Each structure stands twice: as structure tokens, then as C-alpha cells.
Amino acid sequence: MKTGESSADGLLLLDKPPGVSSFQALYPVKRVFRGRKIGHAGTLDPAASGLLVVGVGTGTRLLEFLEGLPKRYRFDVKLGVTTDTYDLEGQTLETKDASHITREQIEAVLPKFRGAISQMPPVYSAIKIQGKRACDRVRDGETVTLTPRNVRIDRLEITGFHSGVATIEMDCSKGTYVRTIAHDIGMELGCGAAANNILRLAVGPFKVENGIAPDAITGVENLLPVEKAVDHMPSIKLRSDSWAVALLHGNPVPAAGYVPMPRSEEAAALAGPMDTTCGIFSHAGKLLAIGTVTPLGHVNPRKVLQPA
């Protein structure tokens, strides 16, 4: 371990390979940043690959503010097969001839899954029931009953179709199950379907093309600064160091004590017009805390990142 790794703080964009769990994908990160707290935002199925946003040190304290960011996926939908896990990793329950299904037929059913929808998660999922994952309960022979969840699909487009396999890209909200989308498309077409080759392309502003493979991690040079964790939020800059001292002692800052920081249209769209959570920066541009803006314009500290 090089000097500095034991006190490193930041975000790491990990390109998780298929075949390992999200937890296992963190092993190389923990070896490089030994002694630092490590965590990730948004679990990927072991069979899935792609972007996993990892927090190192102080970065782990900001992961909760990344969990709700929209996701982008690319995945294959294999027509004519239904499995218990809704992907090709599971046990086949039924097969049907899907040779008559055309790209146009698939495109015709996709609007049913766009917008705000109610989705039933697969029982083979990490959803916890009384502290135990649903998939573990099923494997132990228990009968699992899950409840539908409300999710949002902003974009669902077919990008390729060949030999009974449709490739689809999807922009969606937190909590959307790709496997369920594939399964439900198959049900709508009447032939069944299962997901395969699930790839997470993006989490909010973070892109998989900027990710690094676990075995290629070398040290602090791979980290993004913790400030990147609030790029999608409104942010403010305190007018003076005296306001920073007050804030770090848990005191609110009035509107006269700060100025709004400029943000891009993309960032504004990610946060949403009603978001009152903001990043709080020192006059020198250092991220001090996450705060909440009151109707009167005061900013209350919610999570202080720097010592008082």
C-alpha cells in the first residue's frame, strides 16, 4: 500500500465484471485501501456487469445521496423461455416457439412499460423479509410473497433484434428490476422471455466508460474527489470562514451567509425541481456538509463531513 491510501477519501467508479457479487467486487478495493471504510451505492446482480459507484473513507458517508439517482441499463431479452429467476441464470420453467415474433411486435408493447408503473420484483432478489433476503428464503424452501413496487421508466428502446434476442436500453428510477422488465415483456408477447447480459451503463452523471476494472485499481489516482458526490445537487458556497465555523458546530446558515453555485441543466434534471438537499462548500471551495434548505432560505446542516 502506497503512502496516502490509508487516509484516502473519495469515490471510485468500478466496472464490475459478471460472475461476482457486488460485495466480492469490492475485495480488490479493500486490499488497496486497507484500513479505510468501503461501501457501494446500488447492488448489481452477480450475473450483471457494469457501473458500481464505490465510496472510500469519507466517500462512504455520501453514498446515501447517490442511491436515488436514475440508472441506465443495456440488456438482452431472450424470447421463448421463462425461468424462475427471470434471467438465463435460473431454472427453465417453460419454453415456447418465438420465431414468429418481430421487432415491430416488441416495439408495440414497450409503451406499456414506460412512465410510472407498478412492478413485481422477482422472488430471487436481495429484498429483505424480516432481515433475510428473499432469494435465500426461496433457496431454503420457503414460500415468498412480495408486494409490487412503484417505479419509473423514462426511456425503453430496442436497439437490436436478431435470432429471437432483443437488445434494449432503459433509463429508470431506483428500485427498477431489469429482470422483471424482460419477464413482463415476454408475458405481454405471449411467448415468455428472460434477461441476459445485463449491463449498467450509468448511475446519474457517472458513466461506465469512466469505470475501472477491480484488478486494475492501483491507488488514490483512481479516486474522484468527494465533491463529485454532490454534482447532481444544488450547492451553495459560504460567504466567509465564520459561517463555516458556525455550520460545523451544527448551526443553520441564513440566506445572507451564502451564495448559490452554478449548476448544469443535466444536474438540475437529476435533482428535480423540488429537491431541498444541497451541498455546502466553504468559501475556498471545499465540501463541508450536506444540508437542507428551509422555505425561508436558511440552510440547516444534515451531515457534516469536516471536523469542527
C-alpha atoms as a PDB file:
ATOM      1  CA  MET A   1       0.000   0.000   0.000  1.00  0.00           C
ATOM      2  CA  LYS A   2       1.398   3.370  -1.033  1.00  0.00           C
ATOM      3  CA  THR A   3       1.575   6.371   1.264  1.00  0.00           C
ATOM      4  CA  GLY A   4      -1.801   8.075   1.350  1.00  0.00           C
ATOM      5  CA  GLU A   5      -4.008   5.043   0.664  1.00  0.00           C
ATOM      6  CA  SER A   6      -4.634   4.565   4.397  1.00  0.00           C
ATOM      7  CA  SER A   7      -6.184   8.040   4.610  1.00  0.00           C
ATOM      8  CA  ALA A   8      -7.799   8.195   1.167  1.00  0.00           C
ATOM      9  CA  ASP A   9     -11.260   9.679   0.661  1.00  0.00           C
ATOM     10  CA  GLY A  10     -13.352   9.811  -2.477  1.00  0.00           C
ATOM     11  CA  LEU A  11     -15.462   7.958  -4.995  1.00  0.00           C
ATOM     12  CA  LEU A  12     -14.368   5.096  -7.215  1.00  0.00           C
ATOM     13  CA  LEU A  13     -16.190   4.153 -10.411  1.00  0.00           C
ATOM     14  CA  LEU A  14     -15.895   0.376 -10.552  1.00  0.00           C
ATOM     15  CA  ASP A  15     -16.618  -1.605 -13.725  1.00  0.00           C
ATOM     16  CA  LYS A  16     -17.920  -4.799 -12.145  1.00  0.00           C
ATOM     17  CA  PRO A  17     -17.389  -7.964 -14.203  1.00  0.00           C
ATOM     18  CA  PRO A  18     -20.096 -10.630 -14.435  1.00  0.00           C
ATOM     19  CA  GLY A  19     -19.862 -13.691 -12.224  1.00  0.00           C
ATOM     20  CA  VAL A  20     -19.106 -11.980  -8.918  1.00  0.00           C
ATOM     21  CA  SER A  21     -21.383 -10.315  -6.400  1.00  0.00           C
ATOM     22  CA  SER A  22     -21.141  -6.575  -5.754  1.00  0.00           C
ATOM     23  CA  PHE A  23     -19.639  -7.406  -2.348  1.00  0.00           C
ATOM     24  CA  GLN A  24     -16.983  -9.649  -3.906  1.00  0.00           C
ATOM     25  CA  ALA A  25     -16.137  -6.965  -6.461  1.00  0.00           C
ATOM     26  CA  LEU A  26     -15.006  -4.767  -3.564  1.00  0.00           C
ATOM     27  CA  TYR A  27     -12.267  -7.170  -2.419  1.00  0.00           C
ATOM     28  CA  PRO A  28      -9.517  -5.557  -4.566  1.00  0.00           C
ATOM     29  CA  VAL A  29     -10.669  -2.104  -3.406  1.00  0.00           C
ATOM     30  CA  LYS A  30     -10.340  -3.159   0.224  1.00  0.00           C
ATOM     31  CA  ARG A  31      -6.856  -4.562  -0.411  1.00  0.00           C
ATOM     32  CA  VAL A  32      -5.622  -1.329  -1.977  1.00  0.00           C
ATOM     33  CA  PHE A  33      -7.290   0.971   0.565  1.00  0.00           C
ATOM     34  CA  ARG A  34      -6.639  -1.233   3.568  1.00  0.00           C
ATOM     35  CA  GLY A  35      -7.994   0.245   6.771  1.00  0.00           C
ATOM     36  CA  ARG A  36     -10.432   2.600   5.030  1.00  0.00           C
ATOM     37  CA  LYS A  37     -14.183   2.147   5.151  1.00  0.00           C
ATOM     38  CA  ILE A  38     -15.510   0.900   1.788  1.00  0.00           C
ATOM     39  CA  GLY A  39     -19.097   0.766   0.535  1.00  0.00           C
ATOM     40  CA  HIS A  40     -21.126   0.945  -2.671  1.00  0.00           C
ATOM     41  CA  ALA A  41     -24.366   2.507  -3.885  1.00  0.00           C
ATOM     42  CA  GLY A  42     -26.843   0.245  -5.679  1.00  0.00           C
ATOM     43  CA  THR A  43     -26.276  -3.511  -5.818  1.00  0.00           C
ATOM     44  CA  LEU A  44     -25.775  -5.345  -9.114  1.00  0.00           C
ATOM     45  CA  ASP A  45     -26.802  -8.986  -9.549  1.00  0.00           C
ATOM     46  CA  PRO A  46     -23.810 -11.375  -9.725  1.00  0.00           C
ATOM     47  CA  ALA A  47     -24.624 -12.152 -13.374  1.00  0.00           C
ATOM     48  CA  ALA A  48     -24.836  -8.452 -14.258  1.00  0.00           C
ATOM     49  CA  SER A  49     -21.906  -6.207 -15.056  1.00  0.00           C
ATOM     50  CA  GLY A  50     -21.177  -2.534 -15.295  1.00  0.00           C
ATOM     51  CA  LEU A  51     -21.003   0.547 -13.147  1.00  0.00           C
ATOM     52  CA  LEU A  52     -20.801   0.260  -9.378  1.00  0.00           C
ATOM     53  CA  VAL A  53     -20.248   3.555  -7.549  1.00  0.00           C
ATOM     54  CA  VAL A  54     -17.955   2.897  -4.587  1.00  0.00           C
ATOM     55  CA  GLY A  55     -17.216   5.157  -1.634  1.00  0.00           C
ATOM     56  CA  VAL A  56     -13.814   5.183   0.078  1.00  0.00           C
ATOM     57  CA  GLY A  57     -13.369   6.733   3.517  1.00  0.00           C
ATOM     58  CA  THR A  58     -15.487   9.892   3.770  1.00  0.00           C
ATOM     59  CA  GLY A  59     -16.979   8.961   0.398  1.00  0.00           C
ATOM     60  CA  THR A  60     -18.993   6.205   2.096  1.00  0.00           C
ATOM     61  CA  ARG A  61     -20.897   8.861   4.079  1.00  0.00           C
ATOM     62  CA  LEU A  62     -22.182  10.324   0.822  1.00  0.00           C
ATOM     63  CA  LEU A  63     -23.423   7.099  -0.779  1.00  0.00           C
ATOM     64  CA  GLU A  64     -26.930   7.557   0.612  1.00  0.00           C
ATOM     65  CA  PHE A  65     -27.254  10.667  -1.559  1.00  0.00           C
ATOM     66  CA  LEU A  66     -26.399   8.647  -4.676  1.00  0.00           C
ATOM     67  CA  GLU A  67     -28.793   5.728  -4.066  1.00  0.00           C
ATOM     68  CA  GLY A  68     -31.784   7.554  -5.544  1.00  0.00           C
ATOM     69  CA  LEU A  69     -30.103   8.605  -8.784  1.00  0.00           C
ATOM     70  CA  PRO A  70     -31.603   7.264 -12.033  1.00  0.00           C
ATOM     71  CA  LYS A  71     -29.900   4.308 -13.700  1.00  0.00           C
ATOM     72  CA  ARG A  72     -29.269   3.350 -17.329  1.00  0.00           C
ATOM     73  CA  TYR A  73     -29.038  -0.282 -18.444  1.00  0.00           C
ATOM     74  CA  ARG A  74     -28.483  -2.272 -21.618  1.00  0.00           C
ATOM     75  CA  PHE A  75     -29.696  -5.861 -21.621  1.00  0.00           C
ATOM     76  CA  ASP A  76     -30.777  -8.713 -23.847  1.00  0.00           C
ATOM     77  CA  VAL A  77     -34.266 -10.181 -23.813  1.00  0.00           C
ATOM     78  CA  LYS A  78     -34.241 -13.825 -24.873  1.00  0.00           C
ATOM     79  CA  LEU A  79     -37.688 -14.666 -26.225  1.00  0.00           C
ATOM     80  CA  GLY A  80     -39.370 -18.040 -25.816  1.00  0.00           C
ATOM     81  CA  VAL A  81     -38.018 -19.004 -22.396  1.00  0.00           C
ATOM     82  CA  THR A  82     -39.374 -18.432 -18.874  1.00  0.00           C
ATOM     83  CA  THR A  83     -37.194 -19.031 -15.820  1.00  0.00           C
ATOM     84  CA  ASP A  84     -37.695 -18.841 -12.070  1.00  0.00           C
ATOM     85  CA  THR A  85     -35.141 -16.020 -11.716  1.00  0.00           C
ATOM     86  CA  TYR A  86     -36.347 -14.080 -14.800  1.00  0.00           C
ATOM     87  CA  ASP A  87     -32.889 -14.396 -16.359  1.00  0.00           C
ATOM     88  CA  LEU A  88     -30.933 -17.148 -18.095  1.00  0.00           C
ATOM     89  CA  GLU A  89     -29.106 -17.994 -14.855  1.00  0.00           C
ATOM     90  CA  GLY A  90     -32.212 -19.633 -13.421  1.00  0.00           C
ATOM     91  CA  GLN A  91     -34.096 -22.872 -13.894  1.00  0.00           C
ATOM     92  CA  THR A  92     -36.174 -23.030 -17.066  1.00  0.00           C
ATOM     93  CA  LEU A  93     -39.878 -23.300 -16.310  1.00  0.00           C
ATOM     94  CA  GLU A  94     -41.279 -23.166 -19.841  1.00  0.00           C
ATOM     95  CA  THR A  95     -40.176 -22.801 -23.440  1.00  0.00           C
ATOM     96  CA  LYS A  96     -42.259 -21.653 -26.389  1.00  0.00           C
ATOM     97  CA  ASP A  97     -41.690 -21.056 -30.072  1.00  0.00           C
ATOM     98  CA  ALA A  98     -40.974 -17.349 -30.505  1.00  0.00           C
ATOM     99  CA  SER A  99     -39.799 -17.461 -34.113  1.00  0.00           C
ATOM    100  CA  HIS A 100     -42.864 -15.530 -35.257  1.00  0.00           C
ATOM    101  CA  ILE A 101     -42.171 -12.527 -33.011  1.00  0.00           C
ATOM    102  CA  THR A 102     -40.965  -9.483 -34.943  1.00  0.00           C
ATOM    103  CA  ARG A 103     -39.112  -6.361 -33.879  1.00  0.00           C
ATOM    104  CA  GLU A 104     -42.254  -4.365 -34.608  1.00  0.00           C
ATOM    105  CA  GLN A 105     -44.252  -6.515 -32.193  1.00  0.00           C
ATOM    106  CA  ILE A 106     -41.703  -5.917 -29.452  1.00  0.00           C
ATOM    107  CA  GLU A 107     -41.709  -2.161 -30.108  1.00  0.00           C
ATOM    108  CA  ALA A 108     -45.514  -2.198 -29.907  1.00  0.00           C
ATOM    109  CA  VAL A 109     -45.535  -3.491 -26.303  1.00  0.00           C
ATOM    110  CA  LEU A 110     -42.755  -1.284 -24.941  1.00  0.00           C
ATOM    111  CA  PRO A 111     -45.021   1.759 -24.314  1.00  0.00           C
ATOM    112  CA  LYS A 112     -46.861  -0.321 -21.688  1.00  0.00           C
ATOM    113  CA  PHE A 113     -43.695  -0.208 -19.562  1.00  0.00           C
ATOM    114  CA  ARG A 114     -42.811   3.463 -19.954  1.00  0.00           C
ATOM    115  CA  GLY A 115     -43.642   6.094 -17.375  1.00  0.00           C
ATOM    116  CA  ALA A 116     -44.802   5.380 -13.830  1.00  0.00           C
ATOM    117  CA  ILE A 117     -45.576   1.673 -13.487  1.00  0.00           C
ATOM    118  CA  SER A 118     -46.157  -0.918 -10.789  1.00  0.00           C
ATOM    119  CA  GLN A 119     -43.622  -3.740 -10.927  1.00  0.00           C
ATOM    120  CA  MET A 120     -43.462  -7.070  -9.112  1.00  0.00           C
ATOM    121  CA  PRO A 121     -39.873  -7.853  -8.065  1.00  0.00           C
ATOM    122  CA  PRO A 122     -38.575 -11.382  -8.718  1.00  0.00           C
ATOM    123  CA  VAL A 123     -38.588 -13.646  -5.665  1.00  0.00           C
ATOM    124  CA  TYR A 124     -34.937 -14.344  -6.426  1.00  0.00           C
ATOM    125  CA  SER A 125     -33.894 -10.882  -5.272  1.00  0.00           C
ATOM    126  CA  ALA A 126     -31.991  -9.265  -2.416  1.00  0.00           C
ATOM    127  CA  ILE A 127     -35.144  -7.718  -0.955  1.00  0.00           C
ATOM    128  CA  LYS A 128     -35.124  -8.445   2.765  1.00  0.00           C
ATOM    129  CA  ILE A 129     -38.079 -10.027   4.532  1.00  0.00           C
ATOM    130  CA  GLN A 130     -37.680  -9.818   8.319  1.00  0.00           C
ATOM    131  CA  GLY A 131     -33.932  -9.394   7.903  1.00  0.00           C
ATOM    132  CA  LYS A 132     -33.411 -12.276   5.456  1.00  0.00           C
ATOM    133  CA  ARG A 133     -33.058 -11.909   1.689  1.00  0.00           C
ATOM    134  CA  ALA A 134     -35.959 -13.178  -0.389  1.00  0.00           C
ATOM    135  CA  CYS A 135     -33.662 -15.261  -2.608  1.00  0.00           C
ATOM    136  CA  ASP A 136     -32.186 -17.016   0.440  1.00  0.00           C
ATOM    137  CA  ARG A 137     -35.660 -17.819   1.751  1.00  0.00           C
ATOM    138  CA  VAL A 138     -36.644 -19.329  -1.601  1.00  0.00           C
ATOM    139  CA  ARG A 139     -33.472 -21.432  -1.714  1.00  0.00           C
ATOM    140  CA  ASP A 140     -34.286 -22.653   1.809  1.00  0.00           C
ATOM    141  CA  GLY A 141     -37.618 -23.941   0.541  1.00  0.00           C
ATOM    142  CA  GLU A 142     -39.782 -21.150   1.910  1.00  0.00           C
ATOM    143  CA  THR A 143     -42.709 -19.642   0.026  1.00  0.00           C
ATOM    144  CA  VAL A 144     -42.045 -15.962  -0.587  1.00  0.00           C
ATOM    145  CA  THR A 145     -44.704 -13.366  -1.363  1.00  0.00           C
ATOM    146  CA  LEU A 146     -43.514  -9.919  -2.392  1.00  0.00           C
ATOM    147  CA  THR A 147     -45.549  -6.791  -2.970  1.00  0.00           C
ATOM    148  CA  PRO A 148     -45.482  -4.659  -6.136  1.00  0.00           C
ATOM    149  CA  ARG A 149     -43.400  -1.502  -6.092  1.00  0.00           C
ATOM    150  CA  ASN A 150     -43.875   1.748  -7.949  1.00  0.00           C
ATOM    151  CA  VAL A 151     -41.031   2.606 -10.317  1.00  0.00           C
ATOM    152  CA  ARG A 152     -40.488   4.941 -13.231  1.00  0.00           C
ATOM    153  CA  ILE A 153     -39.146   4.132 -16.701  1.00  0.00           C
ATOM    154  CA  ASP A 154     -38.110   7.269 -18.576  1.00  0.00           C
ATOM    155  CA  ARG A 155     -36.757   5.517 -21.668  1.00  0.00           C
ATOM    156  CA  LEU A 156     -37.165   1.988 -23.010  1.00  0.00           C
ATOM    157  CA  GLU A 157     -35.877   1.443 -26.531  1.00  0.00           C
ATOM    158  CA  ILE A 158     -34.983  -1.603 -28.606  1.00  0.00           C
ATOM    159  CA  THR A 159     -31.537  -1.153 -30.148  1.00  0.00           C
ATOM    160  CA  GLY A 160     -31.168  -4.511 -31.857  1.00  0.00           C
ATOM    161  CA  PHE A 161     -33.008  -7.724 -32.695  1.00  0.00           C
ATOM    162  CA  HIS A 162     -31.560 -10.961 -34.026  1.00  0.00           C
ATOM    163  CA  SER A 163     -32.402 -14.663 -33.709  1.00  0.00           C
ATOM    164  CA  GLY A 164     -35.068 -14.187 -31.068  1.00  0.00           C
ATOM    165  CA  VAL A 165     -32.961 -11.882 -28.887  1.00  0.00           C
ATOM    166  CA  ALA A 166     -33.840  -8.205 -28.456  1.00  0.00           C
ATOM    167  CA  THR A 167     -31.275  -5.759 -27.105  1.00  0.00           C
ATOM    168  CA  ILE A 168     -32.875  -2.986 -25.069  1.00  0.00           C
ATOM    169  CA  GLU A 169     -31.678   0.173 -23.346  1.00  0.00           C
ATOM    170  CA  MET A 170     -33.547   1.562 -20.356  1.00  0.00           C
ATOM    171  CA  ASP A 171     -33.388   4.706 -18.221  1.00  0.00           C
ATOM    172  CA  CYS A 172     -35.166   4.065 -14.946  1.00  0.00           C
ATOM    173  CA  SER A 173     -35.612   5.037 -11.325  1.00  0.00           C
ATOM    174  CA  LYS A 174     -34.062   3.436  -8.291  1.00  0.00           C
ATOM    175  CA  GLY A 175     -35.535   0.028  -7.479  1.00  0.00           C
ATOM    176  CA  THR A 176     -36.426  -0.999 -11.034  1.00  0.00           C
ATOM    177  CA  TYR A 177     -35.711  -4.671 -11.770  1.00  0.00           C
ATOM    178  CA  VAL A 178     -34.324  -5.278 -15.264  1.00  0.00           C
ATOM    179  CA  ARG A 179     -35.154  -8.981 -14.968  1.00  0.00           C
ATOM    180  CA  THR A 180     -38.802  -8.197 -14.278  1.00  0.00           C
ATOM    181  CA  ILE A 181     -38.994  -5.904 -17.320  1.00  0.00           C
ATOM    182  CA  ALA A 182     -37.659  -8.705 -19.534  1.00  0.00           C
ATOM    183  CA  HIS A 183     -40.041 -11.245 -17.980  1.00  0.00           C
ATOM    184  CA  ASP A 184     -43.053  -8.950 -18.337  1.00  0.00           C
ATOM    185  CA  ILE A 185     -42.237  -8.157 -21.970  1.00  0.00           C
ATOM    186  CA  GLY A 186     -42.275 -11.897 -22.642  1.00  0.00           C
ATOM    187  CA  MET A 187     -45.617 -12.277 -20.881  1.00  0.00           C
ATOM    188  CA  GLU A 188     -47.065  -9.401 -22.910  1.00  0.00           C
ATOM    189  CA  LEU A 189     -45.876 -11.044 -26.141  1.00  0.00           C
ATOM    190  CA  GLY A 190     -47.281 -14.413 -25.057  1.00  0.00           C
ATOM    191  CA  CYS A 191     -44.043 -16.322 -25.558  1.00  0.00           C
ATOM    192  CA  GLY A 192     -42.150 -15.703 -22.318  1.00  0.00           C
ATOM    193  CA  ALA A 193     -38.709 -14.095 -22.045  1.00  0.00           C
ATOM    194  CA  ALA A 194     -35.688 -13.886 -19.788  1.00  0.00           C
ATOM    195  CA  ALA A 195     -32.978 -11.272 -19.312  1.00  0.00           C
ATOM    196  CA  ASN A 196     -29.335 -11.826 -20.204  1.00  0.00           C
ATOM    197  CA  ASN A 197     -26.132  -9.777 -20.444  1.00  0.00           C
ATOM    198  CA  ILE A 198     -27.384  -7.050 -18.090  1.00  0.00           C
ATOM    199  CA  LEU A 199     -25.010  -4.077 -18.185  1.00  0.00           C
ATOM    200  CA  ARG A 200     -25.380  -0.951 -16.058  1.00  0.00           C
ATOM    201  CA  LEU A 201     -24.268   1.934 -18.221  1.00  0.00           C
ATOM    202  CA  ALA A 202     -24.765   4.866 -15.854  1.00  0.00           C
ATOM    203  CA  VAL A 203     -25.753   5.992 -12.372  1.00  0.00           C
ATOM    204  CA  GLY A 204     -26.855   9.614 -12.568  1.00  0.00           C
ATOM    205  CA  PRO A 205     -23.909  11.566 -14.031  1.00  0.00           C
ATOM    206  CA  PHE A 206     -21.453   8.678 -13.634  1.00  0.00           C
ATOM    207  CA  LYS A 207     -20.731   6.564 -16.745  1.00  0.00           C
ATOM    208  CA  VAL A 208     -19.389   3.023 -17.076  1.00  0.00           C
ATOM    209  CA  GLU A 209     -16.870   4.133 -19.700  1.00  0.00           C
ATOM    210  CA  ASN A 210     -15.106   6.015 -16.903  1.00  0.00           C
ATOM    211  CA  GLY A 211     -15.070   2.933 -14.683  1.00  0.00           C
ATOM    212  CA  ILE A 212     -12.063   0.792 -13.834  1.00  0.00           C
ATOM    213  CA  ALA A 213     -11.876  -2.984 -13.522  1.00  0.00           C
ATOM    214  CA  PRO A 214     -11.341  -4.266  -9.957  1.00  0.00           C
ATOM    215  CA  ASP A 215      -7.976  -5.826 -10.763  1.00  0.00           C
ATOM    216  CA  ALA A 216      -6.746  -2.572 -12.330  1.00  0.00           C
ATOM    217  CA  ILE A 217      -7.117  -0.443  -9.178  1.00  0.00           C
ATOM    218  CA  THR A 218      -3.787   0.982  -8.078  1.00  0.00           C
ATOM    219  CA  GLY A 219      -4.496   3.708  -5.529  1.00  0.00           C
ATOM    220  CA  VAL A 220      -5.642   7.269  -4.859  1.00  0.00           C
ATOM    221  CA  GLU A 221      -5.080   8.178  -8.511  1.00  0.00           C
ATOM    222  CA  ASN A 222      -8.224   6.150  -9.299  1.00  0.00           C
ATOM    223  CA  LEU A 223     -10.426   8.158  -6.931  1.00  0.00           C
ATOM    224  CA  LEU A 224     -12.751  11.016  -7.743  1.00  0.00           C
ATOM    225  CA  PRO A 225     -12.896  13.776  -5.112  1.00  0.00           C
ATOM    226  CA  VAL A 226     -15.792  13.571  -2.644  1.00  0.00           C
ATOM    227  CA  GLU A 227     -17.153  16.791  -4.156  1.00  0.00           C
ATOM    228  CA  LYS A 228     -18.258  14.748  -7.194  1.00  0.00           C
ATOM    229  CA  ALA A 229     -20.889  13.081  -4.991  1.00  0.00           C
ATOM    230  CA  VAL A 230     -22.908  16.308  -4.930  1.00  0.00           C
ATOM    231  CA  ASP A 231     -22.578  17.303  -8.592  1.00  0.00           C
ATOM    232  CA  HIS A 232     -26.252  16.445  -9.122  1.00  0.00           C
ATOM    233  CA  MET A 233     -27.435  18.558  -6.176  1.00  0.00           C
ATOM    234  CA  PRO A 234     -27.973  22.293  -5.822  1.00  0.00           C
ATOM    235  CA  SER A 235     -24.929  23.639  -3.998  1.00  0.00           C
ATOM    236  CA  ILE A 236     -24.087  26.773  -2.064  1.00  0.00           C
ATOM    237  CA  LYS A 237     -20.827  28.494  -1.155  1.00  0.00           C
ATOM    238  CA  LEU A 238     -20.472  30.151   2.236  1.00  0.00           C
ATOM    239  CA  ARG A 239     -19.532  33.810   2.127  1.00  0.00           C
ATOM    240  CA  SER A 240     -16.887  33.606   4.848  1.00  0.00           C
ATOM    241  CA  ASP A 241     -14.975  31.281   7.146  1.00  0.00           C
ATOM    242  CA  SER A 242     -17.028  32.478  10.108  1.00  0.00           C
ATOM    243  CA  TRP A 243     -20.140  30.956   8.567  1.00  0.00           C
ATOM    244  CA  ALA A 244     -18.200  27.716   8.065  1.00  0.00           C
ATOM    245  CA  VAL A 245     -17.314  27.612  11.763  1.00  0.00           C
ATOM    246  CA  ALA A 246     -20.959  28.145  12.704  1.00  0.00           C
ATOM    247  CA  LEU A 247     -22.107  25.444  10.289  1.00  0.00           C
ATOM    248  CA  LEU A 248     -19.586  22.880  11.523  1.00  0.00           C
ATOM    249  CA  HIS A 249     -20.905  23.425  15.043  1.00  0.00           C
ATOM    250  CA  GLY A 250     -24.396  22.492  13.857  1.00  0.00           C
ATOM    251  CA  ASN A 251     -25.818  25.974  13.371  1.00  0.00           C
ATOM    252  CA  PRO A 252     -28.026  26.967  10.415  1.00  0.00           C
ATOM    253  CA  VAL A 253     -26.790  29.485   7.866  1.00  0.00           C
ATOM    254  CA  PRO A 254     -29.169  32.288   6.827  1.00  0.00           C
ATOM    255  CA  ALA A 255     -29.614  33.284   3.193  1.00  0.00           C
ATOM    256  CA  ALA A 256     -27.277  36.241   3.756  1.00  0.00           C
ATOM    257  CA  GLY A 257     -24.462  33.833   4.632  1.00  0.00           C
ATOM    258  CA  TYR A 258     -24.140  32.043   1.306  1.00  0.00           C
ATOM    259  CA  VAL A 259     -24.418  32.322  -2.467  1.00  0.00           C
ATOM    260  CA  PRO A 260     -25.857  29.653  -4.828  1.00  0.00           C
ATOM    261  CA  MET A 261     -23.325  27.876  -7.015  1.00  0.00           C
ATOM    262  CA  PRO A 262     -23.990  27.498 -10.756  1.00  0.00           C
ATOM    263  CA  ARG A 263     -25.160  24.108 -11.999  1.00  0.00           C
ATOM    264  CA  SER A 264     -25.704  22.476 -15.372  1.00  0.00           C
ATOM    265  CA  GLU A 265     -29.081  21.653 -16.891  1.00  0.00           C
ATOM    266  CA  GLU A 266     -28.202  17.942 -16.570  1.00  0.00           C
ATOM    267  CA  ALA A 267     -27.551  18.351 -12.849  1.00  0.00           C
ATOM    268  CA  ALA A 268     -30.807  20.251 -12.352  1.00  0.00           C
ATOM    269  CA  ALA A 269     -32.743  17.482 -14.110  1.00  0.00           C
ATOM    270  CA  LEU A 270     -31.165  14.790 -11.951  1.00  0.00           C
ATOM    271  CA  ALA A 271     -32.012  16.538  -8.688  1.00  0.00           C
ATOM    272  CA  GLY A 272     -35.544  17.539  -9.623  1.00  0.00           C
ATOM    273  CA  PRO A 273     -37.262  20.896  -9.064  1.00  0.00           C
ATOM    274  CA  MET A 274     -38.472  20.084  -5.521  1.00  0.00           C
ATOM    275  CA  ASP A 275     -35.146  18.897  -4.106  1.00  0.00           C
ATOM    276  CA  THR A 276     -34.175  20.810  -0.946  1.00  0.00           C
ATOM    277  CA  THR A 277     -30.963  18.854  -0.247  1.00  0.00           C
ATOM    278  CA  CYS A 278     -27.797  20.764  -1.116  1.00  0.00           C
ATOM    279  CA  GLY A 279     -24.042  20.555  -0.941  1.00  0.00           C
ATOM    280  CA  ILE A 280     -22.418  23.154   1.302  1.00  0.00           C
ATOM    281  CA  PHE A 281     -18.970  24.418   0.302  1.00  0.00           C
ATOM    282  CA  SER A 282     -16.506  26.630   2.104  1.00  0.00           C
ATOM    283  CA  HIS A 283     -15.515  29.988   0.665  1.00  0.00           C
ATOM    284  CA  ALA A 284     -12.386  28.217  -0.634  1.00  0.00           C
ATOM    285  CA  GLY A 285     -14.440  25.540  -2.423  1.00  0.00           C
ATOM    286  CA  LYS A 286     -14.112  22.582  -0.016  1.00  0.00           C
ATOM    287  CA  LEU A 287     -17.156  20.397   0.592  1.00  0.00           C
ATOM    288  CA  LEU A 288     -18.082  20.805   4.253  1.00  0.00           C
ATOM    289  CA  ALA A 289     -21.508  19.247   4.632  1.00  0.00           C
ATOM    290  CA  ILE A 290     -24.827  18.237   3.153  1.00  0.00           C
ATOM    291  CA  GLY A 291     -27.686  20.484   4.176  1.00  0.00           C
ATOM    292  CA  THR A 292     -31.391  21.134   3.795  1.00  0.00           C
ATOM    293  CA  VAL A 293     -32.832  24.425   2.581  1.00  0.00           C
ATOM    294  CA  THR A 294     -35.844  25.672   4.541  1.00  0.00           C
ATOM    295  CA  PRO A 295     -38.752  27.624   2.983  1.00  0.00           C
ATOM    296  CA  LEU A 296     -37.218  30.800   4.459  1.00  0.00           C
ATOM    297  CA  GLY A 297     -33.915  30.124   2.695  1.00  0.00           C
ATOM    298  CA  HIS A 298     -31.955  29.050   5.762  1.00  0.00           C
ATOM    299  CA  VAL A 299     -29.650  26.060   5.303  1.00  0.00           C
ATOM    300  CA  ASN A 300     -29.587  23.508   8.113  1.00  0.00           C
ATOM    301  CA  PRO A 301     -26.630  21.092   8.265  1.00  0.00           C
ATOM    302  CA  ARG A 302     -27.779  17.493   7.753  1.00  0.00           C
ATOM    303  CA  LYS A 303     -24.477  15.651   7.539  1.00  0.00           C
ATOM    304  CA  VAL A 304     -21.223  17.400   8.482  1.00  0.00           C
ATOM    305  CA  LEU A 305     -18.178  15.955   6.725  1.00  0.00           C
ATOM    306  CA  GLN A 306     -15.393  18.025   8.256  1.00  0.00           C
ATOM    307  CA  PRO A 307     -14.362  18.321  11.918  1.00  0.00           C
ATOM    308  CA  ALA A 308     -15.438  21.470  13.722  1.00  0.00           C
END
